[in-house]
Each structure stands twice: as C-alpha cells, then as structure tokens.
PDB file of all heavy atoms in Angstrom:
ATOM      1  N   SER A   1      -8.944  -9.159 -16.057  1.00  0.00           N
ATOM      2  CA  SER A   1      -9.214  -8.457 -17.313  1.00  0.00           C
ATOM      3  C   SER A   1      -9.113  -6.964 -17.118  1.00  0.00           C
ATOM      4  O   SER A   1      -8.555  -6.240 -17.946  1.00  0.00           O
ATOM      5  CB  SER A   1     -10.604  -8.815 -17.853  1.00  0.00           C
ATOM      6  OG  SER A   1     -10.938  -8.016 -18.945  1.00  0.00           O
ATOM      7  N   MET A   2      -9.653  -6.429 -16.009  1.00  0.00           N
ATOM      8  CA  MET A   2      -9.653  -5.001 -15.781  1.00  0.00           C
ATOM      9  C   MET A   2      -8.256  -4.471 -15.474  1.00  0.00           C
ATOM     10  O   MET A   2      -7.928  -3.348 -15.793  1.00  0.00           O
ATOM     11  CB  MET A   2     -10.581  -4.649 -14.616  1.00  0.00           C
ATOM     12  CG  MET A   2     -12.035  -4.859 -14.917  1.00  0.00           C
ATOM     13  SD  MET A   2     -12.583  -3.814 -16.275  1.00  0.00           S
ATOM     14  CE  MET A   2     -12.317  -2.214 -15.554  1.00  0.00           C
ATOM     15  N   THR A   3      -7.410  -5.279 -14.859  1.00  0.00           N
ATOM     16  CA  THR A   3      -6.104  -4.780 -14.438  1.00  0.00           C
ATOM     17  C   THR A   3      -5.026  -5.041 -15.482  1.00  0.00           C
ATOM     18  O   THR A   3      -4.045  -4.312 -15.549  1.00  0.00           O
ATOM     19  CB  THR A   3      -5.671  -5.439 -13.118  1.00  0.00           C
ATOM     20  OG1 THR A   3      -5.699  -6.857 -13.262  1.00  0.00           O
ATOM     21  CG2 THR A   3      -6.595  -5.017 -12.000  1.00  0.00           C
ATOM     22  N   GLU A   4      -5.183  -6.081 -16.298  1.00  0.00           N
ATOM     23  CA  GLU A   4      -4.136  -6.429 -17.240  1.00  0.00           C
ATOM     24  C   GLU A   4      -4.563  -6.293 -18.692  1.00  0.00           C
ATOM     25  O   GLU A   4      -3.731  -6.370 -19.584  1.00  0.00           O
ATOM     26  CB  GLU A   4      -3.668  -7.858 -16.993  1.00  0.00           C
ATOM     27  CG  GLU A   4      -3.087  -8.075 -15.589  1.00  0.00           C
ATOM     28  CD  GLU A   4      -2.660  -9.513 -15.364  1.00  0.00           C
ATOM     29  OE1 GLU A   4      -2.742 -10.284 -16.335  1.00  0.00           O
ATOM     30  OE2 GLU A   4      -2.251  -9.844 -14.253  1.00  0.00           O
ATOM     31  N   GLY A   5      -5.868  -6.073 -18.946  1.00  0.00           N
ATOM     32  CA  GLY A   5      -6.366  -6.077 -20.315  1.00  0.00           C
ATOM     33  C   GLY A   5      -6.707  -7.490 -20.707  1.00  0.00           C
ATOM     34  O   GLY A   5      -6.125  -8.459 -20.216  1.00  0.00           O
ATOM     35  N   THR A   6      -7.657  -7.679 -21.568  1.00  0.00           N
ATOM     36  CA  THR A   6      -8.122  -9.022 -21.911  1.00  0.00           C
ATOM     37  C   THR A   6      -7.090  -9.751 -22.753  1.00  0.00           C
ATOM     38  O   THR A   6      -6.386  -9.162 -23.575  1.00  0.00           O
ATOM     39  CB  THR A   6      -9.431  -8.947 -22.691  1.00  0.00           C
ATOM     40  OG1 THR A   6      -9.201  -8.158 -23.852  1.00  0.00           O
ATOM     41  CG2 THR A   6     -10.531  -8.320 -21.859  1.00  0.00           C
ATOM     42  N   GLN A   7      -7.007 -11.070 -22.560  1.00  0.00           N
ATOM     43  CA  GLN A   7      -6.113 -11.890 -23.349  1.00  0.00           C
ATOM     44  C   GLN A   7      -6.519 -11.859 -24.811  1.00  0.00           C
ATOM     45  O   GLN A   7      -5.687 -12.045 -25.705  1.00  0.00           O
ATOM     46  CB  GLN A   7      -6.128 -13.332 -22.819  1.00  0.00           C
ATOM     47  CG  GLN A   7      -5.207 -14.291 -23.589  1.00  0.00           C
ATOM     48  CD  GLN A   7      -3.757 -13.902 -23.425  1.00  0.00           C
ATOM     49  OE1 GLN A   7      -3.399 -13.250 -22.449  1.00  0.00           O
ATOM     50  NE2 GLN A   7      -2.917 -14.298 -24.370  1.00  0.00           N
ATOM     51  N   THR A   8      -7.790 -11.600 -25.048  1.00  0.00           N
ATOM     52  CA  THR A   8      -8.301 -11.567 -26.425  1.00  0.00           C
ATOM     53  C   THR A   8      -7.555 -10.541 -27.260  1.00  0.00           C
ATOM     54  O   THR A   8      -7.327 -10.732 -28.433  1.00  0.00           O
ATOM     55  CB  THR A   8      -9.795 -11.168 -26.416  1.00  0.00           C
ATOM     56  OG1 THR A   8     -10.439 -11.863 -25.393  1.00  0.00           O
ATOM     57  CG2 THR A   8     -10.427 -11.469 -27.744  1.00  0.00           C
ATOM     58  N   LYS A   9      -7.167  -9.462 -26.625  1.00  0.00           N
ATOM     59  CA  LYS A   9      -6.463  -8.395 -27.329  1.00  0.00           C
ATOM     60  C   LYS A   9      -5.217  -8.946 -28.007  1.00  0.00           C
ATOM     61  O   LYS A   9      -4.848  -8.545 -29.089  1.00  0.00           O
ATOM     62  CB  LYS A   9      -6.121  -7.302 -26.317  1.00  0.00           C
ATOM     63  CG  LYS A   9      -5.411  -6.122 -26.905  1.00  0.00           C
ATOM     64  CD  LYS A   9      -5.222  -5.017 -25.879  1.00  0.00           C
ATOM     65  CE  LYS A   9      -4.452  -5.499 -24.685  1.00  0.00           C
ATOM     66  NZ  LYS A   9      -4.235  -4.446 -23.689  1.00  0.00           N
ATOM     67  N   ARG A  10      -4.561  -9.901 -27.330  1.00  0.00           N
ATOM     68  CA  ARG A  10      -3.334 -10.442 -27.894  1.00  0.00           C
ATOM     69  C   ARG A  10      -3.616 -11.452 -29.005  1.00  0.00           C
ATOM     70  O   ARG A  10      -2.809 -11.640 -29.883  1.00  0.00           O
ATOM     71  CB  ARG A  10      -2.532 -11.124 -26.795  1.00  0.00           C
ATOM     72  CG  ARG A  10      -2.261 -10.182 -25.613  1.00  0.00           C
ATOM     73  CD  ARG A  10      -0.868  -9.746 -25.554  1.00  0.00           C
ATOM     74  NE  ARG A  10      -0.645  -8.838 -24.450  1.00  0.00           N
ATOM     75  CZ  ARG A  10       0.384  -8.952 -23.638  1.00  0.00           C
ATOM     76  NH1 ARG A  10       1.229  -9.956 -23.769  1.00  0.00           N
ATOM     77  NH2 ARG A  10       0.562  -8.058 -22.689  1.00  0.00           N
ATOM     78  N   THR A  11      -4.768 -12.116 -28.917  1.00  0.00           N
ATOM     79  CA  THR A  11      -5.067 -13.172 -29.889  1.00  0.00           C
ATOM     80  C   THR A  11      -5.797 -12.637 -31.101  1.00  0.00           C
ATOM     81  O   THR A  11      -6.091 -13.373 -31.999  1.00  0.00           O
ATOM     82  CB  THR A  11      -5.919 -14.269 -29.231  1.00  0.00           C
ATOM     83  OG1 THR A  11      -7.145 -13.686 -28.810  1.00  0.00           O
ATOM     84  CG2 THR A  11      -5.214 -14.877 -28.051  1.00  0.00           C
ATOM     85  N   THR A  12      -6.087 -11.347 -31.137  1.00  0.00           N
ATOM     86  CA  THR A  12      -6.741 -10.772 -32.310  1.00  0.00           C
ATOM     87  C   THR A  12      -5.798  -9.793 -33.002  1.00  0.00           C
ATOM     88  O   THR A  12      -6.187  -8.749 -33.492  1.00  0.00           O
ATOM     89  CB  THR A  12      -8.045 -10.044 -31.920  1.00  0.00           C
ATOM     90  OG1 THR A  12      -7.745  -9.081 -30.913  1.00  0.00           O
ATOM     91  CG2 THR A  12      -9.087 -10.995 -31.443  1.00  0.00           C
ATOM     92  N   ALA A  13      -4.526 -10.155 -33.011  1.00  0.00           N
ATOM     93  CA  ALA A  13      -3.528  -9.463 -33.800  1.00  0.00           C
ATOM     94  C   ALA A  13      -3.242  -8.060 -33.323  1.00  0.00           C
ATOM     95  O   ALA A  13      -2.887  -7.208 -34.114  1.00  0.00           O
ATOM     96  CB  ALA A  13      -3.941  -9.432 -35.285  1.00  0.00           C
ATOM     97  N   GLU A  14      -3.336  -7.811 -32.028  1.00  0.00           N
ATOM     98  CA  GLU A  14      -2.939  -6.505 -31.486  1.00  0.00           C
ATOM     99  C   GLU A  14      -1.564  -6.634 -30.872  1.00  0.00           C
ATOM    100  O   GLU A  14      -1.200  -7.661 -30.319  1.00  0.00           O
ATOM    101  CB  GLU A  14      -3.928  -6.019 -30.431  1.00  0.00           C
ATOM    102  CG  GLU A  14      -5.210  -5.539 -31.026  1.00  0.00           C
ATOM    103  CD  GLU A  14      -5.965  -4.693 -30.042  1.00  0.00           C
ATOM    104  OE1 GLU A  14      -5.358  -4.102 -29.130  1.00  0.00           O
ATOM    105  OE2 GLU A  14      -7.181  -4.618 -30.181  1.00  0.00           O
ATOM    106  N   PRO A  15      -0.768  -5.571 -30.910  1.00  0.00           N
ATOM    107  CA  PRO A  15       0.536  -5.609 -30.276  1.00  0.00           C
ATOM    108  C   PRO A  15       0.423  -5.749 -28.772  1.00  0.00           C
ATOM    109  O   PRO A  15      -0.591  -5.393 -28.190  1.00  0.00           O
ATOM    110  CB  PRO A  15       1.161  -4.249 -30.645  1.00  0.00           C
ATOM    111  CG  PRO A  15       0.170  -3.530 -31.481  1.00  0.00           C
ATOM    112  CD  PRO A  15      -1.071  -4.333 -31.565  1.00  0.00           C
ATOM    113  N   ALA A  16       1.472  -6.244 -28.146  1.00  0.00           N
ATOM    114  CA  ALA A  16       1.482  -6.367 -26.692  1.00  0.00           C
ATOM    115  C   ALA A  16       1.344  -5.000 -26.067  1.00  0.00           C
ATOM    116  O   ALA A  16       1.785  -3.994 -26.610  1.00  0.00           O
ATOM    117  CB  ALA A  16       2.775  -7.039 -26.239  1.00  0.00           C
ATOM    118  N   SER A  17       0.749  -4.978 -24.843  1.00  0.00           N
ATOM    119  CA  SER A  17       0.460  -3.688 -24.200  1.00  0.00           C
ATOM    120  C   SER A  17       1.645  -3.196 -23.387  1.00  0.00           C
ATOM    121  O   SER A  17       1.516  -2.823 -22.246  1.00  0.00           O
ATOM    122  CB  SER A  17      -0.766  -3.841 -23.291  1.00  0.00           C
ATOM    123  OG  SER A  17      -0.531  -4.851 -22.343  1.00  0.00           O
ATOM    124  N   ASP A  18       2.842  -3.264 -23.970  1.00  0.00           N
ATOM    125  CA  ASP A  18       4.005  -2.673 -23.342  1.00  0.00           C
ATOM    126  C   ASP A  18       4.939  -2.194 -24.441  1.00  0.00           C
ATOM    127  O   ASP A  18       4.717  -2.407 -25.608  1.00  0.00           O
ATOM    128  CB  ASP A  18       4.708  -3.666 -22.396  1.00  0.00           C
ATOM    129  CG  ASP A  18       4.992  -4.996 -23.062  1.00  0.00           C
ATOM    130  OD1 ASP A  18       4.881  -5.083 -24.301  1.00  0.00           O
ATOM    131  OD2 ASP A  18       5.337  -5.953 -22.341  1.00  0.00           O
ATOM    132  N   GLY A  19       6.009  -1.525 -24.051  1.00  0.00           N
ATOM    133  CA  GLY A  19       6.948  -1.027 -25.034  1.00  0.00           C
ATOM    134  C   GLY A  19       6.603   0.345 -25.534  1.00  0.00           C
ATOM    135  O   GLY A  19       5.575   0.915 -25.209  1.00  0.00           O
ATOM    136  N   PRO A  20       7.471   0.939 -26.394  1.00  0.00           N
ATOM    137  CA  PRO A  20       7.280   2.302 -26.875  1.00  0.00           C
ATOM    138  C   PRO A  20       5.987   2.491 -27.643  1.00  0.00           C
ATOM    139  O   PRO A  20       5.324   3.519 -27.525  1.00  0.00           O
ATOM    140  CB  PRO A  20       8.515   2.524 -27.777  1.00  0.00           C
ATOM    141  CG  PRO A  20       9.514   1.519 -27.325  1.00  0.00           C
ATOM    142  CD  PRO A  20       8.726   0.345 -26.849  1.00  0.00           C
ATOM    143  N   GLY A  21       5.603   1.498 -28.457  1.00  0.00           N
ATOM    144  CA  GLY A  21       4.369   1.641 -29.236  1.00  0.00           C
ATOM    145  C   GLY A  21       3.153   1.786 -28.351  1.00  0.00           C
ATOM    146  O   GLY A  21       2.288   2.631 -28.603  1.00  0.00           O
ATOM    147  N   ALA A  22       3.089   0.986 -27.297  1.00  0.00           N
ATOM    148  CA  ALA A  22       1.950   1.072 -26.367  1.00  0.00           C
ATOM    149  C   ALA A  22       1.955   2.397 -25.630  1.00  0.00           C
ATOM    150  O   ALA A  22       0.895   2.992 -25.392  1.00  0.00           O
ATOM    151  CB  ALA A  22       2.002  -0.096 -25.378  1.00  0.00           C
ATOM    152  N   ALA A  23       3.143   2.873 -25.244  1.00  0.00           N
ATOM    153  CA  ALA A  23       3.220   4.158 -24.548  1.00  0.00           C
ATOM    154  C   ALA A  23       2.743   5.294 -25.441  1.00  0.00           C
ATOM    155  O   ALA A  23       2.009   6.194 -25.004  1.00  0.00           O
ATOM    156  CB  ALA A  23       4.668   4.423 -24.098  1.00  0.00           C
ATOM    157  N   MET A  24       3.136   5.249 -26.736  1.00  0.00           N
ATOM    158  CA  MET A  24       2.689   6.291 -27.671  1.00  0.00           C
ATOM    159  C   MET A  24       1.185   6.237 -27.841  1.00  0.00           C
ATOM    160  O   MET A  24       0.512   7.274 -27.871  1.00  0.00           O
ATOM    161  CB  MET A  24       3.404   6.101 -29.009  1.00  0.00           C
ATOM    162  CG  MET A  24       4.881   6.432 -28.986  1.00  0.00           C
ATOM    163  SD  MET A  24       5.691   6.053 -30.550  1.00  0.00           S
ATOM    164  CE  MET A  24       4.830   7.157 -31.641  1.00  0.00           C
ATOM    165  N   ALA A  25       0.636   5.006 -27.975  1.00  0.00           N
ATOM    166  CA  ALA A  25      -0.816   4.877 -28.105  1.00  0.00           C
ATOM    167  C   ALA A  25      -1.525   5.386 -26.858  1.00  0.00           C
ATOM    168  O   ALA A  25      -2.564   6.014 -26.948  1.00  0.00           O
ATOM    169  CB  ALA A  25      -1.175   3.399 -28.380  1.00  0.00           C
ATOM    170  N   GLY A  26      -0.935   5.099 -25.679  1.00  0.00           N
ATOM    171  CA  GLY A  26      -1.549   5.566 -24.449  1.00  0.00           C
ATOM    172  C   GLY A  26      -1.578   7.086 -24.359  1.00  0.00           C
ATOM    173  O   GLY A  26      -2.582   7.679 -23.973  1.00  0.00           O
ATOM    174  N   ASN A  27      -0.464   7.731 -24.753  1.00  0.00           N
ATOM    175  CA  ASN A  27      -0.428   9.194 -24.744  1.00  0.00           C
ATOM    176  C   ASN A  27      -1.425   9.769 -25.734  1.00  0.00           C
ATOM    177  O   ASN A  27      -2.075  10.781 -25.472  1.00  0.00           O
ATOM    178  CB  ASN A  27       0.986   9.689 -25.057  1.00  0.00           C
ATOM    179  CG  ASN A  27       1.967   9.397 -23.951  1.00  0.00           C
ATOM    180  OD1 ASN A  27       1.586   9.306 -22.785  1.00  0.00           O
ATOM    181  ND2 ASN A  27       3.245   9.237 -24.291  1.00  0.00           N
ATOM    182  N   HIS A  28      -1.525   9.134 -26.891  1.00  0.00           N
ATOM    183  CA  HIS A  28      -2.479   9.583 -27.909  1.00  0.00           C
ATOM    184  C   HIS A  28      -3.909   9.488 -27.381  1.00  0.00           C
ATOM    185  O   HIS A  28      -4.699  10.429 -27.531  1.00  0.00           O
ATOM    186  CB  HIS A  28      -2.314   8.720 -29.155  1.00  0.00           C
ATOM    187  CG  HIS A  28      -3.081   9.200 -30.340  1.00  0.00           C
ATOM    188  ND1 HIS A  28      -2.725  10.319 -31.050  1.00  0.00           N
ATOM    189  CD2 HIS A  28      -4.201   8.723 -30.939  1.00  0.00           C
ATOM    190  CE1 HIS A  28      -3.580  10.507 -32.036  1.00  0.00           C
ATOM    191  NE2 HIS A  28      -4.490   9.550 -31.992  1.00  0.00           N
ATOM    192  N   ASN A  29      -4.225   8.368 -26.739  1.00  0.00           N
ATOM    193  CA  ASN A  29      -5.573   8.203 -26.187  1.00  0.00           C
ATOM    194  C   ASN A  29      -5.863   9.186 -25.072  1.00  0.00           C
ATOM    195  O   ASN A  29      -6.999   9.648 -24.933  1.00  0.00           O
ATOM    196  CB  ASN A  29      -5.758   6.761 -25.683  1.00  0.00           C
ATOM    197  CG  ASN A  29      -6.038   5.799 -26.809  1.00  0.00           C
ATOM    198  OD1 ASN A  29      -6.115   6.180 -27.969  1.00  0.00           O
ATOM    199  ND2 ASN A  29      -6.214   4.530 -26.466  1.00  0.00           N
ATOM    200  N   ARG A  30      -4.852   9.497 -24.271  1.00  0.00           N
ATOM    201  CA  ARG A  30      -5.073  10.490 -23.200  1.00  0.00           C
ATOM    202  C   ARG A  30      -5.431  11.852 -23.771  1.00  0.00           C
ATOM    203  O   ARG A  30      -6.252  12.585 -23.193  1.00  0.00           O
ATOM    204  CB  ARG A  30      -3.832  10.562 -22.294  1.00  0.00           C
ATOM    205  CG  ARG A  30      -3.766   9.437 -21.273  1.00  0.00           C
ATOM    206  CD  ARG A  30      -2.698   9.706 -20.237  1.00  0.00           C
ATOM    207  NE  ARG A  30      -1.361   9.547 -20.779  1.00  0.00           N
ATOM    208  CZ  ARG A  30      -0.708   8.384 -20.820  1.00  0.00           C
ATOM    209  NH1 ARG A  30      -1.282   7.290 -20.347  1.00  0.00           N
ATOM    210  NH2 ARG A  30       0.510   8.318 -21.323  1.00  0.00           N
ATOM    211  N   ARG A  31      -4.807  12.208 -24.892  1.00  0.00           N
ATOM    212  CA  ARG A  31      -5.170  13.481 -25.530  1.00  0.00           C
ATOM    213  C   ARG A  31      -6.611  13.441 -26.033  1.00  0.00           C
ATOM    214  O   ARG A  31      -7.334  14.434 -25.913  1.00  0.00           O
ATOM    215  CB  ARG A  31      -4.198  13.782 -26.670  1.00  0.00           C
ATOM    216  CG  ARG A  31      -2.806  14.167 -26.201  1.00  0.00           C
ATOM    217  CD  ARG A  31      -1.987  14.774 -27.326  1.00  0.00           C
ATOM    218  NE  ARG A  31      -1.656  13.787 -28.361  1.00  0.00           N
ATOM    219  CZ  ARG A  31      -0.588  13.027 -28.341  1.00  0.00           C
ATOM    220  NH1 ARG A  31       0.285  13.099 -27.323  1.00  0.00           N
ATOM    221  NH2 ARG A  31      -0.351  12.171 -29.326  1.00  0.00           N
ATOM    222  N   ILE A  32      -6.996  12.313 -26.597  1.00  0.00           N
ATOM    223  CA  ILE A  32      -8.383  12.178 -27.074  1.00  0.00           C
ATOM    224  C   ILE A  32      -9.348  12.278 -25.910  1.00  0.00           C
ATOM    225  O   ILE A  32     -10.364  12.982 -25.986  1.00  0.00           O
ATOM    226  CB  ILE A  32      -8.563  10.841 -27.814  1.00  0.00           C
ATOM    227  CG1 ILE A  32      -7.710  10.800 -29.080  1.00  0.00           C
ATOM    228  CG2 ILE A  32     -10.037  10.618 -28.163  1.00  0.00           C
ATOM    229  CD1 ILE A  32      -7.723   9.462 -29.800  1.00  0.00           C
ATOM    230  N   VAL A  33      -9.046  11.598 -24.802  1.00  0.00           N
ATOM    231  CA  VAL A  33      -9.933  11.642 -23.631  1.00  0.00           C
ATOM    232  C   VAL A  33     -10.015  13.068 -23.087  1.00  0.00           C
ATOM    233  O   VAL A  33     -11.087  13.527 -22.689  1.00  0.00           O
ATOM    234  CB  VAL A  33      -9.440  10.660 -22.551  1.00  0.00           C
ATOM    235  CG1 VAL A  33     -10.197  10.869 -21.238  1.00  0.00           C
ATOM    236  CG2 VAL A  33      -9.628   9.221 -23.025  1.00  0.00           C
ATOM    237  N   GLY A  34      -8.887  13.790 -23.070  1.00  0.00           N
ATOM    238  CA  GLY A  34      -8.917  15.170 -22.606  1.00  0.00           C
ATOM    239  C   GLY A  34      -9.852  16.034 -23.439  1.00  0.00           C
ATOM    240  O   GLY A  34     -10.604  16.861 -22.917  1.00  0.00           O
ATOM    241  N   LEU A  35      -9.823  15.832 -24.740  1.00  0.00           N
ATOM    242  CA  LEU A  35     -10.720  16.580 -25.619  1.00  0.00           C
ATOM    243  C   LEU A  35     -12.179  16.155 -25.433  1.00  0.00           C
ATOM    244  O   LEU A  35     -13.086  16.986 -25.513  1.00  0.00           O
ATOM    245  CB  LEU A  35     -10.294  16.391 -27.077  1.00  0.00           C
ATOM    246  CG  LEU A  35      -8.971  17.071 -27.454  1.00  0.00           C
ATOM    247  CD1 LEU A  35      -8.466  16.571 -28.797  1.00  0.00           C
ATOM    248  CD2 LEU A  35      -9.150  18.591 -27.489  1.00  0.00           C
TER     249      LEU A  35
END
C-alpha cells in the first residue's frame, strides 16, 4: 500500500496513478506541500 498506493483508490472512481494526469496532479501537490 505504501509503495504502490491502495487498491481502493482505483475502486472508488479515481484515475490510475500513472500517465500525464497523474504527473500533473503530482506536480500540483508538490507545490501545495512546498507552501
């Protein structure tokens, strides 16, 4: 769960944690964490 993310994330209508959308979300979250 800690290394791959919980399977629940996929079964509750969230996009897969790869691809351009996930990368954009990751960059967005990094900016939030920096602040």
